[in-house]
Protein backbone atom coordinates (compact mmCIF):
# COMPACT_ATOMS: atom_id res chain seq x y z
CA MET A 1 0.56 -21.79 -35.75
CA LYS A 2 -2.93 -21.03 -36.51
CA GLN A 3 -3.57 -21.46 -32.88
CA TYR A 4 -0.95 -19.30 -31.68
CA LEU A 5 -2.51 -16.65 -34.42
CA LEU A 6 -5.79 -17.17 -32.70
CA ILE A 7 -4.72 -16.66 -29.17
CA PHE A 8 -2.51 -13.28 -30.63
CA LEU A 9 -5.76 -11.79 -31.96
CA ILE A 10 -8.10 -12.76 -29.14
CA SER A 11 -5.53 -11.19 -26.47
CA MET A 12 -5.93 -7.78 -28.67
CA VAL A 13 -9.80 -7.68 -28.21
CA PRO A 14 -10.99 -4.93 -25.52
CA LEU A 15 -12.48 -6.60 -22.37
CA ILE A 16 -11.41 -10.24 -23.34
CA GLU A 17 -7.46 -9.33 -23.88
CA LEU A 18 -5.11 -11.82 -22.45
CA ARG A 19 -7.51 -12.68 -19.44
CA GLY A 20 -9.30 -14.48 -22.04
CA ALA A 21 -6.99 -15.74 -24.28
CA ILE A 22 -4.82 -17.52 -21.99
CA PRO A 23 -7.41 -19.98 -20.69
CA ILE A 24 -8.34 -20.71 -24.31
CA ALA A 25 -4.52 -21.21 -25.01
CA MET A 26 -4.60 -23.63 -22.05
CA GLY A 27 -7.59 -25.25 -23.22
CA MET A 28 -6.20 -25.84 -26.87
CA ASP A 29 -3.32 -27.77 -25.02
CA LEU A 30 -0.83 -25.15 -26.00
CA PRO A 31 2.34 -24.90 -24.28
CA VAL A 32 2.35 -22.50 -21.21
CA LEU A 33 5.53 -20.17 -21.77
CA PRO A 34 4.98 -19.72 -25.71
CA SER A 35 1.37 -19.05 -24.79
CA ILE A 36 1.81 -16.41 -22.38
CA LEU A 37 4.48 -14.60 -24.72
CA VAL A 38 2.18 -14.70 -27.53
CA CYS A 39 -0.56 -13.34 -25.37
CA VAL A 40 1.53 -10.69 -23.58
CA VAL A 41 2.69 -9.25 -27.02
CA GLY A 42 -0.84 -9.37 -28.54
CA ASN A 43 -2.28 -7.52 -25.51
CA ILE A 44 0.54 -4.92 -25.65
CA LEU A 45 0.53 -4.22 -29.15
CA PRO A 46 -2.57 -1.89 -29.21
CA VAL A 47 -1.32 0.32 -26.19
CA PRO A 48 0.27 2.99 -28.35
CA PHE A 49 -2.62 3.14 -30.63
CA ILE A 50 -4.92 3.29 -27.65
CA TYR A 51 -2.96 6.16 -26.11
CA PHE A 52 -2.95 8.53 -29.06
CA PHE A 53 -5.86 7.67 -30.82
CA ALA A 54 -8.60 6.30 -28.41
CA ARG A 55 -9.66 9.49 -26.79
CA LYS A 56 -10.00 11.22 -29.97
CA PHE A 57 -11.93 8.50 -31.55
CA LEU A 58 -14.31 8.30 -28.44
CA ILE A 59 -15.00 11.94 -28.10
CA TRP A 60 -15.75 12.05 -32.15
CA ALA A 61 -17.83 8.65 -32.31
CA GLN A 62 -20.14 9.55 -29.24
CA THR A 63 -22.32 11.78 -31.49
CA LYS A 64 -22.66 9.01 -34.39
CA PRO A 65 -26.04 6.99 -34.25
CA LEU A 66 -24.66 3.50 -34.67
CA ILE A 67 -21.70 3.51 -32.25
CA GLY A 68 -22.39 6.53 -30.00
CA LYS A 69 -23.83 4.28 -27.09
CA ILE A 70 -20.71 1.86 -27.16
CA CYS A 71 -18.40 4.62 -27.60
CA SER A 72 -20.10 6.70 -24.59
CA PHE A 73 -19.61 3.32 -22.55
CA PHE A 74 -15.89 3.19 -23.14
CA ALA A 75 -15.09 6.70 -22.53
CA VAL A 76 -17.20 6.81 -19.10
CA LYS A 77 -15.50 3.87 -18.23
CA GLY A 78 -11.97 5.21 -19.06
CA GLU A 79 -12.71 8.37 -17.52
CA ARG A 80 -14.01 6.51 -14.18
CA ALA A 81 -10.92 4.27 -14.29
CA GLY A 82 -8.35 7.27 -14.62
CA GLN A 83 -10.44 9.45 -11.74
CA LYS A 84 -10.15 6.26 -9.45
CA LEU A 85 -6.66 5.56 -10.15
CA ALA A 86 -5.70 9.39 -9.37
CA SER A 87 -7.79 9.59 -6.35
CA LYS A 88 -5.92 6.49 -4.82
CA ALA A 89 -2.40 6.99 -5.90
CA GLY A 90 -2.04 10.67 -6.48
CA ARG A 91 0.02 12.10 -8.98
CA GLY A 92 3.53 10.43 -7.81
CA GLY A 93 2.19 6.73 -7.51
CA LEU A 94 -0.09 6.98 -10.53
CA ALA A 95 2.29 4.75 -12.80
CA LEU A 96 2.59 1.76 -9.94
CA ALA A 97 -1.01 2.06 -9.66
CA LEU A 98 -1.71 1.74 -13.20
CA MET A 99 0.46 -0.99 -13.17
CA LEU A 100 -1.14 -2.65 -10.58
CA PHE A 101 -4.70 -1.89 -11.93
CA VAL A 102 -3.64 -3.62 -15.19
CA GLY A 103 -1.83 -6.44 -13.73
CA ILE A 104 -4.60 -7.55 -11.70
CA PRO A 105 -6.58 -9.72 -13.75
CA LEU A 106 -10.47 -8.60 -13.15
CA PRO A 107 -12.89 -7.83 -15.72
CA GLY A 108 -12.37 -4.36 -17.12
CA THR A 109 -9.11 -3.79 -15.49
CA GLY A 110 -6.94 -4.78 -18.61
CA ALA A 111 -4.53 -2.78 -21.02
CA TRP A 112 -7.39 -1.15 -22.94
CA THR A 113 -9.01 0.52 -20.08
CA GLY A 114 -5.53 1.42 -18.30
CA THR A 115 -4.26 2.83 -21.36
CA LEU A 116 -7.37 4.91 -21.97
CA ALA A 117 -7.52 6.23 -18.47
CA ALA A 118 -3.73 7.11 -18.56
CA SER A 119 -4.58 9.02 -21.77
CA LEU A 120 -7.18 10.74 -19.88
CA LEU A 121 -5.24 11.65 -17.19
CA ASP A 122 -2.48 12.96 -19.53
CA LEU A 123 0.06 10.70 -17.95
CA GLY A 124 3.02 10.54 -20.44
CA PRO A 125 3.42 7.96 -23.31
CA LYS A 126 6.69 6.40 -22.07
CA THR A 127 5.47 5.88 -18.56
CA THR A 128 2.34 4.63 -19.82
CA ALA A 129 3.86 2.19 -22.02
CA ALA A 130 6.03 0.81 -19.03
CA ALA A 131 3.26 0.67 -16.30
CA VAL A 132 0.67 -1.09 -18.71
CA SER A 133 3.21 -3.37 -20.03
CA LEU A 134 4.20 -4.49 -16.82
CA GLY A 135 0.96 -5.02 -15.73
CA VAL A 136 0.07 -7.02 -18.93
CA ILE A 137 3.21 -9.45 -17.77
CA MET A 138 2.03 -9.21 -14.42
CA ALA A 139 -1.69 -10.54 -15.26
CA GLY A 140 -0.20 -12.97 -17.84
CA VAL A 141 1.78 -14.93 -15.11
CA ILE A 142 -1.18 -14.64 -12.74
CA MET A 143 -3.56 -16.09 -15.63
CA ALA A 144 -1.11 -18.80 -16.16
């Protein structure tokens, strides 16, 4: 049970997410399907909090001395990802583009960045949750 809790928590960490948690689970010789399920749930769980609070927090924190630089980094990263998605997909295909962005397991394209980008683009919370969730599931299957 401790091993599942560990991969669950790892899958919630920005920039690592399930892209790092699934290989760790495989390295610990955990069964594939339960590991994927735990990692997917752990990666999806922060999505509503990111959507509703991350942009506000990053804007507030950019002026703080200890965390300002890292918060600026994440704000810029989310902004760029959002602009890139919007320019490639247009407004109508944004949900599909977001799902693919999150679903292709490359560094910096996970649920955290995708959700932050969606919130910066004012994509609705239900559309964001659905697209990011499907993308996380897709990334989990690819990583396994």
